[in-house]
Amino acid sequence: MGKNLDKADITLLTLLQRNTRLGLEALAAQAGLSAASVQRRLKSLRDRKVITGEIALVDPAKVGMPMTFVVMVELERERLDQIDAFTRRADAEPMVQQCYYLTGEADFCLICTASDMEAFEELTKRLFFEDSNVRRFRTSVVMGRKKVSLEVPVAAG
């Protein structure tokens, strides 16, 4: 099994990824453990950084951010300091939801959200046009959200 996870850890991780609002008693009942055991296991999973955060999923359209963009970014130079600088800029930008460093044609893939095209255009100025190390970027506008998840399949390895 991956990262020293036993069957009970896998059950807990699967349950929590689907609903972080489950209380200790509900988790214990579904995992066949005591509440104290669940509490110890969750602490260990958090301490070992198996669980890296717990978030609420928000419908972007209902908070005024209905547009999603997938942006492929190519850098001029792929020096470590340039990669780190771009990563820091993307990380600091609230409209960037996800940032992946890639192999292949593009160096980065960004998942961005915006209220409208004008707001996205402003983001492109800040992140791409004002960065002399960005060679080019290609944007795809998301037409529909068909599956949105950060759930990781957890199974015996």
N, C-alpha and C. Protein backbone atom coordinates (compact mmCIF):
# COMPACT_ATOMS: atom_id res chain seq x y z
N MET A 1 0.84 -1.18 0.00
CA MET A 1 0.00 0.00 0.00
C MET A 1 0.88 1.24 0.00
N GLY A 2 0.39 2.29 -0.60
CA GLY A 2 1.18 3.50 -0.74
C GLY A 2 1.46 4.21 0.57
N LYS A 3 2.70 4.68 0.73
CA LYS A 3 3.10 5.55 1.84
C LYS A 3 2.71 5.00 3.22
N ASN A 4 2.89 3.71 3.44
CA ASN A 4 2.58 3.09 4.73
C ASN A 4 1.13 3.30 5.15
N LEU A 5 0.23 3.18 4.22
CA LEU A 5 -1.20 3.32 4.51
C LEU A 5 -1.82 1.93 4.63
N ASP A 6 -2.59 1.74 5.66
CA ASP A 6 -3.30 0.47 5.79
C ASP A 6 -4.74 0.65 5.29
N LYS A 7 -5.50 -0.43 5.36
CA LYS A 7 -6.87 -0.40 4.83
C LYS A 7 -7.73 0.66 5.52
N ALA A 8 -7.58 0.82 6.84
CA ALA A 8 -8.37 1.82 7.57
C ALA A 8 -8.00 3.24 7.13
N ASP A 9 -6.69 3.51 6.92
CA ASP A 9 -6.27 4.83 6.43
C ASP A 9 -6.88 5.12 5.06
N ILE A 10 -6.86 4.12 4.20
CA ILE A 10 -7.40 4.27 2.85
C ILE A 10 -8.90 4.57 2.92
N THR A 11 -9.60 3.87 3.80
CA THR A 11 -11.04 4.11 3.97
C THR A 11 -11.28 5.54 4.44
N LEU A 12 -10.52 5.97 5.45
CA LEU A 12 -10.69 7.33 5.96
C LEU A 12 -10.39 8.38 4.89
N LEU A 13 -9.33 8.19 4.15
CA LEU A 13 -8.98 9.15 3.10
C LEU A 13 -10.06 9.21 2.02
N THR A 14 -10.59 8.08 1.65
CA THR A 14 -11.65 8.04 0.65
C THR A 14 -12.89 8.76 1.15
N LEU A 15 -13.30 8.47 2.38
CA LEU A 15 -14.48 9.12 2.96
C LEU A 15 -14.30 10.63 3.06
N LEU A 16 -13.14 11.07 3.56
CA LEU A 16 -12.91 12.51 3.75
C LEU A 16 -12.82 13.27 2.43
N GLN A 17 -12.26 12.63 1.39
CA GLN A 17 -12.18 13.31 0.10
C GLN A 17 -13.56 13.56 -0.48
N ARG A 18 -14.51 12.75 -0.11
CA ARG A 18 -15.87 12.91 -0.62
C ARG A 18 -16.70 13.84 0.24
N ASN A 19 -16.36 13.94 1.54
CA ASN A 19 -17.14 14.78 2.44
C ASN A 19 -16.33 15.08 3.70
N THR A 20 -15.71 16.26 3.75
CA THR A 20 -14.91 16.63 4.93
C THR A 20 -15.76 16.99 6.13
N ARG A 21 -17.07 17.07 5.95
CA ARG A 21 -17.95 17.42 7.06
C ARG A 21 -18.33 16.22 7.91
N LEU A 22 -17.92 15.03 7.52
CA LEU A 22 -18.22 13.85 8.34
C LEU A 22 -17.53 13.99 9.69
N GLY A 23 -18.26 13.78 10.75
CA GLY A 23 -17.69 13.86 12.09
C GLY A 23 -16.96 12.58 12.45
N LEU A 24 -16.27 12.63 13.59
CA LEU A 24 -15.51 11.46 14.05
C LEU A 24 -16.39 10.23 14.20
N GLU A 25 -17.57 10.40 14.75
CA GLU A 25 -18.46 9.25 14.96
C GLU A 25 -18.88 8.62 13.64
N ALA A 26 -19.23 9.44 12.66
CA ALA A 26 -19.64 8.92 11.35
C ALA A 26 -18.46 8.24 10.66
N LEU A 27 -17.29 8.86 10.73
CA LEU A 27 -16.09 8.24 10.14
C LEU A 27 -15.80 6.91 10.82
N ALA A 28 -15.88 6.89 12.14
CA ALA A 28 -15.61 5.67 12.90
C ALA A 28 -16.58 4.56 12.50
N ALA A 29 -17.85 4.89 12.42
CA ALA A 29 -18.86 3.89 12.07
C ALA A 29 -18.61 3.32 10.67
N GLN A 30 -18.31 4.21 9.71
CA GLN A 30 -18.12 3.76 8.34
C GLN A 30 -16.80 3.02 8.14
N ALA A 31 -15.80 3.34 8.98
CA ALA A 31 -14.48 2.70 8.85
C ALA A 31 -14.35 1.49 9.78
N GLY A 32 -15.33 1.28 10.66
CA GLY A 32 -15.25 0.15 11.59
C GLY A 32 -14.19 0.36 12.66
N LEU A 33 -14.01 1.60 13.10
CA LEU A 33 -13.00 1.96 14.10
C LEU A 33 -13.67 2.70 15.25
N SER A 34 -12.92 2.91 16.31
CA SER A 34 -13.41 3.78 17.40
C SER A 34 -13.13 5.23 17.02
N ALA A 35 -13.87 6.14 17.62
CA ALA A 35 -13.66 7.57 17.36
C ALA A 35 -12.24 7.98 17.75
N ALA A 36 -11.74 7.44 18.85
CA ALA A 36 -10.37 7.76 19.30
C ALA A 36 -9.35 7.28 18.28
N SER A 37 -9.57 6.11 17.72
CA SER A 37 -8.66 5.58 16.70
C SER A 37 -8.69 6.46 15.45
N VAL A 38 -9.88 6.89 15.04
CA VAL A 38 -10.01 7.77 13.88
C VAL A 38 -9.27 9.08 14.14
N GLN A 39 -9.43 9.62 15.33
CA GLN A 39 -8.77 10.88 15.68
C GLN A 39 -7.24 10.73 15.61
N ARG A 40 -6.71 9.64 16.13
CA ARG A 40 -5.26 9.40 16.08
C ARG A 40 -4.78 9.24 14.64
N ARG A 41 -5.54 8.49 13.86
CA ARG A 41 -5.15 8.26 12.47
C ARG A 41 -5.17 9.56 11.66
N LEU A 42 -6.20 10.37 11.86
CA LEU A 42 -6.28 11.64 11.14
C LEU A 42 -5.12 12.56 11.52
N LYS A 43 -4.78 12.60 12.79
CA LYS A 43 -3.64 13.41 13.23
C LYS A 43 -2.36 12.94 12.55
N SER A 44 -2.17 11.63 12.51
CA SER A 44 -0.99 11.07 11.85
C SER A 44 -0.98 11.39 10.36
N LEU A 45 -2.12 11.24 9.69
CA LEU A 45 -2.19 11.55 8.26
C LEU A 45 -1.89 13.02 7.99
N ARG A 46 -2.34 13.90 8.86
CA ARG A 46 -2.04 15.34 8.70
C ARG A 46 -0.58 15.62 9.02
N ASP A 47 -0.05 15.03 10.09
CA ASP A 47 1.35 15.24 10.47
C ASP A 47 2.31 14.76 9.39
N ARG A 48 1.96 13.67 8.71
CA ARG A 48 2.80 13.09 7.66
C ARG A 48 2.55 13.76 6.31
N LYS A 49 1.66 14.75 6.28
CA LYS A 49 1.33 15.51 5.06
C LYS A 49 0.70 14.63 3.99
N VAL A 50 0.04 13.52 4.42
CA VAL A 50 -0.78 12.76 3.48
C VAL A 50 -2.03 13.59 3.20
N ILE A 51 -2.61 14.16 4.25
CA ILE A 51 -3.68 15.14 4.11
C ILE A 51 -3.00 16.51 4.16
N THR A 52 -3.06 17.25 3.05
CA THR A 52 -2.34 18.53 2.97
C THR A 52 -3.24 19.73 3.18
N GLY A 53 -4.55 19.52 3.20
CA GLY A 53 -5.49 20.61 3.42
C GLY A 53 -6.90 20.09 3.33
N GLU A 54 -7.83 20.88 3.83
CA GLU A 54 -9.24 20.53 3.77
C GLU A 54 -9.99 21.78 3.35
N ILE A 55 -10.71 21.66 2.22
CA ILE A 55 -11.30 22.84 1.61
C ILE A 55 -12.78 22.63 1.32
N ALA A 56 -13.47 23.73 1.07
CA ALA A 56 -14.84 23.69 0.58
C ALA A 56 -14.81 23.94 -0.92
N LEU A 57 -15.58 23.19 -1.68
CA LEU A 57 -15.69 23.45 -3.12
C LEU A 57 -16.79 24.47 -3.34
N VAL A 58 -16.46 25.55 -4.03
CA VAL A 58 -17.38 26.65 -4.25
C VAL A 58 -17.73 26.70 -5.74
N ASP A 59 -18.99 26.89 -6.03
CA ASP A 59 -19.42 27.05 -7.41
C ASP A 59 -19.00 28.44 -7.87
N PRO A 60 -18.03 28.53 -8.79
CA PRO A 60 -17.51 29.84 -9.19
C PRO A 60 -18.58 30.77 -9.77
N ALA A 61 -19.53 30.24 -10.48
CA ALA A 61 -20.58 31.08 -11.08
C ALA A 61 -21.41 31.76 -10.01
N LYS A 62 -21.59 31.11 -8.87
CA LYS A 62 -22.42 31.67 -7.81
C LYS A 62 -21.69 32.72 -6.98
N VAL A 63 -20.39 32.88 -7.21
CA VAL A 63 -19.64 33.93 -6.51
C VAL A 63 -19.02 34.92 -7.51
N GLY A 64 -19.63 35.00 -8.69
CA GLY A 64 -19.22 36.01 -9.65
C GLY A 64 -17.97 35.69 -10.46
N MET A 65 -17.58 34.41 -10.53
CA MET A 65 -16.40 34.02 -11.30
C MET A 65 -16.77 32.88 -12.26
N PRO A 66 -17.67 33.14 -13.21
CA PRO A 66 -18.22 32.06 -14.02
C PRO A 66 -17.31 31.53 -15.12
N MET A 67 -16.21 32.22 -15.41
CA MET A 67 -15.37 31.82 -16.53
C MET A 67 -14.14 31.08 -16.03
N THR A 68 -13.81 29.99 -16.75
CA THR A 68 -12.62 29.19 -16.44
C THR A 68 -11.78 29.10 -17.70
N PHE A 69 -10.47 29.17 -17.53
CA PHE A 69 -9.53 29.15 -18.65
C PHE A 69 -8.42 28.15 -18.35
N VAL A 70 -8.00 27.44 -19.39
CA VAL A 70 -6.82 26.57 -19.32
C VAL A 70 -5.75 27.28 -20.14
N VAL A 71 -4.63 27.59 -19.50
CA VAL A 71 -3.59 28.37 -20.17
C VAL A 71 -2.28 27.57 -20.18
N MET A 72 -1.76 27.36 -21.38
CA MET A 72 -0.47 26.69 -21.55
C MET A 72 0.58 27.77 -21.75
N VAL A 73 1.62 27.74 -20.93
CA VAL A 73 2.63 28.80 -20.91
C VAL A 73 3.99 28.23 -21.28
N GLU A 74 4.67 28.89 -22.21
CA GLU A 74 6.04 28.54 -22.56
C GLU A 74 6.96 29.66 -22.10
N LEU A 75 8.02 29.29 -21.41
CA LEU A 75 9.00 30.27 -20.96
C LEU A 75 10.11 30.42 -21.99
N GLU A 76 10.75 31.58 -21.99
CA GLU A 76 11.89 31.86 -22.88
C GLU A 76 13.08 31.01 -22.45
N ARG A 77 13.36 31.05 -21.16
CA ARG A 77 14.48 30.31 -20.58
C ARG A 77 13.94 29.43 -19.45
N GLU A 78 14.47 28.21 -19.36
CA GLU A 78 14.01 27.30 -18.32
C GLU A 78 15.06 27.15 -17.21
N ARG A 79 15.62 28.25 -16.80
CA ARG A 79 16.54 28.20 -15.67
C ARG A 79 15.73 28.04 -14.39
N LEU A 80 16.33 27.41 -13.40
CA LEU A 80 15.63 27.14 -12.15
C LEU A 80 15.10 28.42 -11.51
N ASP A 81 15.89 29.50 -11.54
CA ASP A 81 15.43 30.75 -10.94
C ASP A 81 14.23 31.32 -11.70
N GLN A 82 14.20 31.16 -13.03
CA GLN A 82 13.07 31.64 -13.84
C GLN A 82 11.81 30.81 -13.57
N ILE A 83 11.99 29.51 -13.44
CA ILE A 83 10.86 28.62 -13.12
C ILE A 83 10.30 28.98 -11.76
N ASP A 84 11.18 29.18 -10.79
CA ASP A 84 10.75 29.55 -9.43
C ASP A 84 10.04 30.91 -9.43
N ALA A 85 10.56 31.86 -10.20
CA ALA A 85 9.96 33.19 -10.24
C ALA A 85 8.54 33.12 -10.83
N PHE A 86 8.37 32.37 -11.91
CA PHE A 86 7.05 32.25 -12.51
C PHE A 86 6.10 31.52 -11.56
N THR A 87 6.59 30.48 -10.92
CA THR A 87 5.77 29.73 -9.97
C THR A 87 5.30 30.63 -8.83
N ARG A 88 6.17 31.47 -8.31
CA ARG A 88 5.80 32.41 -7.23
C ARG A 88 4.73 33.39 -7.70
N ARG A 89 4.88 33.90 -8.92
CA ARG A 89 3.89 34.86 -9.45
C ARG A 89 2.53 34.19 -9.63
N ALA A 90 2.52 32.97 -10.15
CA ALA A 90 1.25 32.25 -10.32
C ALA A 90 0.63 31.93 -8.96
N ASP A 91 1.45 31.54 -8.01
CA ASP A 91 0.97 31.20 -6.67
C ASP A 91 0.35 32.41 -5.98
N ALA A 92 0.90 33.57 -6.22
CA ALA A 92 0.42 34.80 -5.57
C ALA A 92 -0.85 35.36 -6.23
N GLU A 93 -1.21 34.84 -7.38
CA GLU A 93 -2.36 35.37 -8.13
C GLU A 93 -3.63 34.62 -7.76
N PRO A 94 -4.59 35.27 -7.12
CA PRO A 94 -5.82 34.60 -6.69
C PRO A 94 -6.65 34.00 -7.84
N MET A 95 -6.53 34.55 -9.04
CA MET A 95 -7.31 34.03 -10.17
C MET A 95 -6.73 32.73 -10.72
N VAL A 96 -5.51 32.39 -10.32
CA VAL A 96 -4.91 31.11 -10.72
C VAL A 96 -5.30 30.08 -9.67
N GLN A 97 -6.10 29.10 -10.08
CA GLN A 97 -6.56 28.08 -9.16
C GLN A 97 -5.57 26.93 -9.04
N GLN A 98 -4.95 26.58 -10.16
CA GLN A 98 -3.99 25.48 -10.18
C GLN A 98 -2.84 25.85 -11.10
N CYS A 99 -1.66 25.36 -10.78
CA CYS A 99 -0.48 25.62 -11.60
C CYS A 99 0.36 24.34 -11.63
N TYR A 100 0.59 23.85 -12.83
CA TYR A 100 1.36 22.62 -13.01
C TYR A 100 2.60 22.90 -13.84
N TYR A 101 3.76 22.42 -13.40
CA TYR A 101 5.00 22.48 -14.16
C TYR A 101 5.06 21.21 -15.00
N LEU A 102 5.28 21.35 -16.31
CA LEU A 102 5.11 20.25 -17.24
C LEU A 102 6.36 19.89 -18.02
N THR A 103 6.33 18.69 -18.58
CA THR A 103 7.26 18.33 -19.65
C THR A 103 6.50 18.56 -20.96
N GLY A 104 7.21 18.53 -22.07
CA GLY A 104 6.55 18.69 -23.37
C GLY A 104 6.67 20.10 -23.89
N GLU A 105 5.77 20.48 -24.79
CA GLU A 105 5.83 21.78 -25.45
C GLU A 105 5.70 22.95 -24.49
N ALA A 106 4.72 22.89 -23.61
CA ALA A 106 4.50 23.98 -22.65
C ALA A 106 5.28 23.69 -21.37
N ASP A 107 5.64 24.76 -20.69
CA ASP A 107 6.35 24.61 -19.41
C ASP A 107 5.39 24.58 -18.23
N PHE A 108 4.25 25.27 -18.36
CA PHE A 108 3.26 25.33 -17.29
C PHE A 108 1.86 25.20 -17.88
N CYS A 109 0.98 24.64 -17.07
CA CYS A 109 -0.45 24.66 -17.36
C CYS A 109 -1.12 25.32 -16.17
N LEU A 110 -1.89 26.37 -16.45
CA LEU A 110 -2.61 27.08 -15.40
C LEU A 110 -4.11 26.89 -15.59
N ILE A 111 -4.81 26.70 -14.50
CA ILE A 111 -6.27 26.72 -14.51
C ILE A 111 -6.63 28.03 -13.81
N CYS A 112 -7.31 28.89 -14.55
CA CYS A 112 -7.62 30.24 -14.05
C CYS A 112 -9.13 30.46 -14.06
N THR A 113 -9.57 31.35 -13.21
CA THR A 113 -10.98 31.74 -13.16
C THR A 113 -11.06 33.26 -13.27
N ALA A 114 -12.18 33.72 -13.81
CA ALA A 114 -12.36 35.17 -13.95
C ALA A 114 -13.85 35.50 -14.00
N SER A 115 -14.15 36.74 -13.70
CA SER A 115 -15.53 37.20 -13.74
C SER A 115 -16.00 37.42 -15.17
N ASP A 116 -15.07 37.81 -16.05
CA ASP A 116 -15.41 38.07 -17.45
C ASP A 116 -14.11 38.15 -18.25
N MET A 117 -14.24 38.36 -19.56
CA MET A 117 -13.06 38.42 -20.43
C MET A 117 -12.14 39.58 -20.08
N GLU A 118 -12.72 40.71 -19.67
CA GLU A 118 -11.88 41.86 -19.32
C GLU A 118 -10.99 41.54 -18.11
N ALA A 119 -11.55 40.86 -17.13
CA ALA A 119 -10.75 40.49 -15.95
C ALA A 119 -9.66 39.50 -16.35
N PHE A 120 -9.98 38.58 -17.25
CA PHE A 120 -8.96 37.64 -17.71
C PHE A 120 -7.87 38.36 -18.50
N GLU A 121 -8.26 39.34 -19.31
CA GLU A 121 -7.28 40.11 -20.07
C GLU A 121 -6.31 40.82 -19.11
N GLU A 122 -6.83 41.38 -18.02
CA GLU A 122 -5.97 42.02 -17.03
C GLU A 122 -5.00 41.01 -16.41
N LEU A 123 -5.49 39.80 -16.16
CA LEU A 123 -4.62 38.74 -15.63
C LEU A 123 -3.50 38.42 -16.61
N THR A 124 -3.83 38.33 -17.90
CA THR A 124 -2.79 38.03 -18.88
C THR A 124 -1.73 39.12 -18.92
N LYS A 125 -2.14 40.36 -18.75
CA LYS A 125 -1.15 41.45 -18.71
C LYS A 125 -0.21 41.28 -17.53
N ARG A 126 -0.81 41.00 -16.36
CA ARG A 126 0.01 40.85 -15.13
C ARG A 126 0.94 39.64 -15.19
N LEU A 127 0.41 38.51 -15.61
CA LEU A 127 1.19 37.28 -15.53
C LEU A 127 2.07 37.03 -16.74
N PHE A 128 1.62 37.42 -17.92
CA PHE A 128 2.34 37.02 -19.13
C PHE A 128 3.02 38.16 -19.85
N PHE A 129 2.28 39.22 -20.16
CA PHE A 129 2.86 40.29 -20.95
C PHE A 129 3.90 41.08 -20.17
N GLU A 130 3.74 41.20 -18.86
CA GLU A 130 4.71 41.94 -18.05
C GLU A 130 5.91 41.08 -17.64
N ASP A 131 5.92 39.81 -18.02
CA ASP A 131 7.02 38.91 -17.68
C ASP A 131 7.83 38.65 -18.95
N SER A 132 9.02 39.20 -19.02
CA SER A 132 9.84 39.08 -20.23
C SER A 132 10.29 37.64 -20.47
N ASN A 133 10.15 36.76 -19.49
CA ASN A 133 10.55 35.37 -19.67
C ASN A 133 9.42 34.51 -20.24
N VAL A 134 8.22 35.04 -20.39
CA VAL A 134 7.14 34.28 -21.01
C VAL A 134 7.26 34.45 -22.52
N ARG A 135 7.56 33.35 -23.21
CA ARG A 135 7.71 33.36 -24.67
C ARG A 135 6.34 33.46 -25.33
N ARG A 136 5.40 32.61 -24.88
CA ARG A 136 4.05 32.63 -25.44
C ARG A 136 3.12 31.89 -24.49
N PHE A 137 1.84 32.15 -24.66
CA PHE A 137 0.84 31.41 -23.91
C PHE A 137 -0.36 31.17 -24.82
N ARG A 138 -0.99 30.04 -24.63
CA ARG A 138 -2.18 29.68 -25.40
C ARG A 138 -3.32 29.43 -24.41
N THR A 139 -4.46 30.01 -24.70
CA THR A 139 -5.59 29.94 -23.79
C THR A 139 -6.75 29.19 -24.43
N SER A 140 -7.34 28.30 -23.64
CA SER A 140 -8.61 27.66 -24.03
C SER A 140 -9.65 28.10 -23.01
N VAL A 141 -10.81 28.49 -23.51
CA VAL A 141 -11.92 28.87 -22.64
C VAL A 141 -12.72 27.61 -22.36
N VAL A 142 -12.99 27.36 -21.10
CA VAL A 142 -13.78 26.19 -20.72
C VAL A 142 -15.24 26.45 -21.08
N MET A 143 -15.81 25.55 -21.86
CA MET A 143 -17.19 25.69 -22.32
C MET A 143 -18.18 25.14 -21.28
N GLY A 144 -17.76 24.18 -20.51
CA GLY A 144 -18.64 23.60 -19.50
C GLY A 144 -17.84 22.80 -18.49
N ARG A 145 -18.25 22.88 -17.24
CA ARG A 145 -17.59 22.13 -16.16
C ARG A 145 -18.25 20.76 -16.08
N LYS A 146 -17.57 19.74 -16.56
CA LYS A 146 -18.16 18.40 -16.62
C LYS A 146 -17.74 17.55 -15.42
N LYS A 147 -16.54 17.74 -14.92
CA LYS A 147 -16.08 17.08 -13.71
C LYS A 147 -15.06 17.99 -13.07
N VAL A 148 -15.26 18.30 -11.81
CA VAL A 148 -14.32 19.13 -11.06
C VAL A 148 -14.03 18.39 -9.77
N SER A 149 -12.79 18.00 -9.60
CA SER A 149 -12.42 17.23 -8.42
C SER A 149 -10.93 17.30 -8.21
N LEU A 150 -10.53 17.22 -6.97
CA LEU A 150 -9.13 17.03 -6.63
C LEU A 150 -8.97 15.70 -5.91
N GLU A 151 -10.03 14.86 -5.96
CA GLU A 151 -9.99 13.57 -5.29
C GLU A 151 -8.91 12.68 -5.93
N VAL A 152 -8.11 12.06 -5.08
CA VAL A 152 -7.06 11.15 -5.52
C VAL A 152 -7.52 9.73 -5.21
N PRO A 153 -7.55 8.84 -6.21
CA PRO A 153 -7.93 7.47 -5.89
C PRO A 153 -6.91 6.87 -4.93
N VAL A 154 -7.39 6.37 -3.82
CA VAL A 154 -6.51 5.80 -2.80
C VAL A 154 -6.83 4.32 -2.75
N ALA A 155 -5.83 3.52 -3.06
CA ALA A 155 -6.05 2.08 -3.07
C ALA A 155 -4.78 1.37 -2.63
N ALA A 156 -4.92 0.10 -2.37
CA ALA A 156 -3.76 -0.70 -2.00
C ALA A 156 -2.76 -0.67 -3.14
N GLY A 157 -1.50 -0.46 -2.79
CA GLY A 157 -0.47 -0.34 -3.80
C GLY A 157 0.14 -1.64 -4.06
